[in-house]
């Protein structure tokens, strides 16, 4: 069983930065695959970034070049550093985890077992 708690969301002007955190409470085994998704009002949930193991990273098209995913195993925490934020980045951001994933698997929500409650990011122009 894994519980995920996100934090770090907030309101920022376009061009600004935020760092989201996701703390995992792990009761059996640390999940090997953790990701960030987001969902804007009226839109489908989309994958933002994924980290597999300690270093294999994957990004959605909207995040490439602006967002960075990282993890601190000692703290059971995954981060999402978001730079050059745009109004279209406004969404609820969710942390997700699954025990294992393959490097070739897409950033797809149905592959993830555990989800946090989300943290709101609002970017104003």
C-alpha atoms as a PDB file:
ATOM      1  CA  UNK A   1       0.000   0.000   0.000  1.00  0.00           C
ATOM      2  CA  UNK A   2       1.271   3.469  -0.913  1.00  0.00           C
ATOM      3  CA  UNK A   3      -0.163   6.823   0.086  1.00  0.00           C
ATOM      4  CA  UNK A   4       0.801   9.923  -1.859  1.00  0.00           C
ATOM      5  CA  UNK A   5       0.538  13.507  -0.676  1.00  0.00           C
ATOM      6  CA  UNK A   6       1.277  16.401  -3.003  1.00  0.00           C
ATOM      7  CA  UNK A   7       2.208  19.942  -2.063  1.00  0.00           C
ATOM      8  CA  UNK A   8       3.738  23.030  -3.602  1.00  0.00           C
ATOM      9  CA  UNK A   9       0.941  24.205  -5.817  1.00  0.00           C
ATOM     10  CA  UNK A  10      -0.179  27.794  -5.886  1.00  0.00           C
ATOM     11  CA  UNK A  11      -0.701  30.854  -8.014  1.00  0.00           C
ATOM     12  CA  UNK A  12       2.086  32.324 -10.093  1.00  0.00           C
ATOM     13  CA  UNK A  13       2.438  34.723 -12.983  1.00  0.00           C
ATOM     14  CA  UNK A  14       3.398  33.560 -16.425  1.00  0.00           C
ATOM     15  CA  UNK A  15       7.123  32.986 -16.672  1.00  0.00           C
ATOM     16  CA  UNK A  16       7.401  32.063 -13.034  1.00  0.00           C
ATOM     17  CA  UNK A  17       8.373  28.794 -11.391  1.00  0.00           C
ATOM     18  CA  UNK A  18       6.958  26.326  -8.908  1.00  0.00           C
ATOM     19  CA  UNK A  19       8.257  23.124  -7.397  1.00  0.00           C
ATOM     20  CA  UNK A  20       5.757  20.423  -6.573  1.00  0.00           C
ATOM     21  CA  UNK A  21       6.523  17.711  -4.050  1.00  0.00           C
ATOM     22  CA  UNK A  22       4.997  14.285  -3.607  1.00  0.00           C
ATOM     23  CA  UNK A  23       5.721  12.395  -0.413  1.00  0.00           C
ATOM     24  CA  UNK A  24       5.091   8.661  -0.564  1.00  0.00           C
ATOM     25  CA  UNK A  25       4.171   6.752   2.548  1.00  0.00           C
ATOM     26  CA  UNK A  26       5.264   3.241   1.746  1.00  0.00           C
ATOM     27  CA  UNK A  27       4.044   0.301   3.776  1.00  0.00           C
ATOM     28  CA  UNK A  28       5.387  -2.597   1.765  1.00  0.00           C
ATOM     29  CA  UNK A  29       7.865  -1.708  -0.942  1.00  0.00           C
ATOM     30  CA  UNK A  30       8.842   1.547  -2.590  1.00  0.00           C
ATOM     31  CA  UNK A  31       7.233   1.876  -6.012  1.00  0.00           C
ATOM     32  CA  UNK A  32       9.756   1.909  -8.805  1.00  0.00           C
ATOM     33  CA  UNK A  33       7.776   4.159 -11.075  1.00  0.00           C
ATOM     34  CA  UNK A  34       6.387   7.560 -10.124  1.00  0.00           C
ATOM     35  CA  UNK A  35       4.791  10.191 -12.269  1.00  0.00           C
ATOM     36  CA  UNK A  36       3.023  13.504 -12.434  1.00  0.00           C
ATOM     37  CA  UNK A  37      -0.215  14.020 -14.294  1.00  0.00           C
ATOM     38  CA  UNK A  38      -2.390  17.068 -14.638  1.00  0.00           C
ATOM     39  CA  UNK A  39      -5.988  17.816 -15.441  1.00  0.00           C
ATOM     40  CA  UNK A  40      -7.397  21.154 -16.477  1.00  0.00           C
ATOM     41  CA  UNK A  41     -11.134  21.893 -16.231  1.00  0.00           C
ATOM     42  CA  UNK A  42     -13.005  20.278 -19.082  1.00  0.00           C
ATOM     43  CA  UNK A  43      -9.946  18.402 -20.309  1.00  0.00           C
ATOM     44  CA  UNK A  44      -8.663  14.879 -20.001  1.00  0.00           C
ATOM     45  CA  UNK A  45      -5.899  14.011 -17.602  1.00  0.00           C
ATOM     46  CA  UNK A  46      -2.514  14.147 -19.291  1.00  0.00           C
ATOM     47  CA  UNK A  47       0.873  12.805 -18.384  1.00  0.00           C
ATOM     48  CA  UNK A  48       3.481  15.385 -17.453  1.00  0.00           C
ATOM     49  CA  UNK A  49       6.557  13.457 -16.360  1.00  0.00           C
ATOM     50  CA  UNK A  50       7.689  10.082 -15.094  1.00  0.00           C
ATOM     51  CA  UNK A  51      10.733   8.773 -13.289  1.00  0.00           C
ATOM     52  CA  UNK A  52      11.534   5.077 -13.355  1.00  0.00           C
ATOM     53  CA  UNK A  53      14.074   3.832 -10.862  1.00  0.00           C
ATOM     54  CA  UNK A  54      16.518   6.534  -9.937  1.00  0.00           C
ATOM     55  CA  UNK A  55      17.248   8.116 -13.262  1.00  0.00           C
ATOM     56  CA  UNK A  56      15.143   7.081 -16.252  1.00  0.00           C
ATOM     57  CA  UNK A  57      12.905  10.036 -17.033  1.00  0.00           C
ATOM     58  CA  UNK A  58      10.140  10.641 -19.512  1.00  0.00           C
ATOM     59  CA  UNK A  59       8.263  13.840 -20.254  1.00  0.00           C
ATOM     60  CA  UNK A  60       5.019  14.732 -21.920  1.00  0.00           C
ATOM     61  CA  UNK A  61       5.225  17.133 -24.828  1.00  0.00           C
ATOM     62  CA  UNK A  62       3.943  20.033 -22.751  1.00  0.00           C
ATOM     63  CA  UNK A  63       6.699  19.585 -20.172  1.00  0.00           C
ATOM     64  CA  UNK A  64       9.743  19.068 -22.348  1.00  0.00           C
ATOM     65  CA  UNK A  65      12.372  21.729 -21.860  1.00  0.00           C
ATOM     66  CA  UNK A  66      10.527  23.430 -19.000  1.00  0.00           C
ATOM     67  CA  UNK A  67       9.804  20.834 -16.316  1.00  0.00           C
ATOM     68  CA  UNK A  68      12.177  18.514 -14.484  1.00  0.00           C
ATOM     69  CA  UNK A  69      11.232  15.468 -12.451  1.00  0.00           C
ATOM     70  CA  UNK A  70      13.544  14.216  -9.712  1.00  0.00           C
ATOM     71  CA  UNK A  71      13.412  12.092  -6.596  1.00  0.00           C
ATOM     72  CA  UNK A  72      14.978  11.812  -3.187  1.00  0.00           C
ATOM     73  CA  UNK A  73      14.807   8.209  -2.025  1.00  0.00           C
ATOM     74  CA  UNK A  74      15.875   9.073   1.504  1.00  0.00           C
ATOM     75  CA  UNK A  75      12.790  11.261   1.806  1.00  0.00           C
ATOM     76  CA  UNK A  76      10.498   9.088  -0.324  1.00  0.00           C
ATOM     77  CA  UNK A  77       9.756  12.236  -2.263  1.00  0.00           C
ATOM     78  CA  UNK A  78       9.370  13.019  -5.934  1.00  0.00           C
ATOM     79  CA  UNK A  79       9.629  16.572  -7.193  1.00  0.00           C
ATOM     80  CA  UNK A  80       8.427  18.404 -10.249  1.00  0.00           C
ATOM     81  CA  UNK A  81      10.327  21.600 -10.937  1.00  0.00           C
ATOM     82  CA  UNK A  82       8.285  23.740 -13.293  1.00  0.00           C
ATOM     83  CA  UNK A  83       9.899  26.718 -14.981  1.00  0.00           C
ATOM     84  CA  UNK A  84       8.681  29.204 -17.583  1.00  0.00           C
ATOM     85  CA  UNK A  85       5.118  28.543 -16.588  1.00  0.00           C
ATOM     86  CA  UNK A  86       2.333  29.439 -18.990  1.00  0.00           C
ATOM     87  CA  UNK A  87      -1.384  30.058 -18.412  1.00  0.00           C
ATOM     88  CA  UNK A  88      -2.072  26.775 -20.192  1.00  0.00           C
ATOM     89  CA  UNK A  89      -0.194  24.971 -17.409  1.00  0.00           C
ATOM     90  CA  UNK A  90      -3.072  25.817 -15.090  1.00  0.00           C
ATOM     91  CA  UNK A  91      -4.447  22.527 -13.804  1.00  0.00           C
ATOM     92  CA  UNK A  92      -4.738  20.185 -10.870  1.00  0.00           C
ATOM     93  CA  UNK A  93      -1.492  18.264 -10.654  1.00  0.00           C
ATOM     94  CA  UNK A  94      -1.535  14.685  -9.414  1.00  0.00           C
ATOM     95  CA  UNK A  95       1.235  12.424  -8.243  1.00  0.00           C
ATOM     96  CA  UNK A  96       0.915   8.778  -9.234  1.00  0.00           C
ATOM     97  CA  UNK A  97       2.862   5.617  -8.558  1.00  0.00           C
ATOM     98  CA  UNK A  98       3.018   2.006  -9.560  1.00  0.00           C
ATOM     99  CA  UNK A  99       5.237  -0.837  -8.362  1.00  0.00           C
ATOM    100  CA  UNK A 100       6.987  -1.381 -11.665  1.00  0.00           C
ATOM    101  CA  UNK A 101       6.916  -0.025 -15.172  1.00  0.00           C
ATOM    102  CA  UNK A 102       8.821  -0.675 -18.345  1.00  0.00           C
ATOM    103  CA  UNK A 103      10.974   1.929 -19.974  1.00  0.00           C
ATOM    104  CA  UNK A 104       8.983   1.673 -23.191  1.00  0.00           C
ATOM    105  CA  UNK A 105       5.567   2.137 -21.578  1.00  0.00           C
ATOM    106  CA  UNK A 106       3.790   5.394 -22.348  1.00  0.00           C
ATOM    107  CA  UNK A 107       2.913   8.046 -19.799  1.00  0.00           C
ATOM    108  CA  UNK A 108      -0.615   6.795 -19.397  1.00  0.00           C
ATOM    109  CA  UNK A 109      -2.839   7.084 -16.347  1.00  0.00           C
ATOM    110  CA  UNK A 110      -4.330   3.597 -16.469  1.00  0.00           C
ATOM    111  CA  UNK A 111      -0.869   2.147 -15.754  1.00  0.00           C
ATOM    112  CA  UNK A 112      -0.745   3.713 -12.292  1.00  0.00           C
ATOM    113  CA  UNK A 113      -2.195   2.186  -9.156  1.00  0.00           C
ATOM    114  CA  UNK A 114      -1.744   4.845  -6.502  1.00  0.00           C
ATOM    115  CA  UNK A 115      -2.810   8.459  -6.719  1.00  0.00           C
ATOM    116  CA  UNK A 116      -2.597  11.534  -4.559  1.00  0.00           C
ATOM    117  CA  UNK A 117      -5.376  14.048  -4.013  1.00  0.00           C
ATOM    118  CA  UNK A 118      -3.756  16.669  -6.212  1.00  0.00           C
ATOM    119  CA  UNK A 119      -2.391  20.168  -5.828  1.00  0.00           C
ATOM    120  CA  UNK A 120      -3.711  23.147  -7.787  1.00  0.00           C
ATOM    121  CA  UNK A 121      -1.447  25.198 -10.022  1.00  0.00           C
ATOM    122  CA  UNK A 122      -2.780  28.461 -11.412  1.00  0.00           C
ATOM    123  CA  UNK A 123      -0.757  30.556 -13.849  1.00  0.00           C
ATOM    124  CA  UNK A 124      -1.970  34.037 -14.670  1.00  0.00           C
ATOM    125  CA  UNK A 125      -1.024  36.041 -17.714  1.00  0.00           C
END
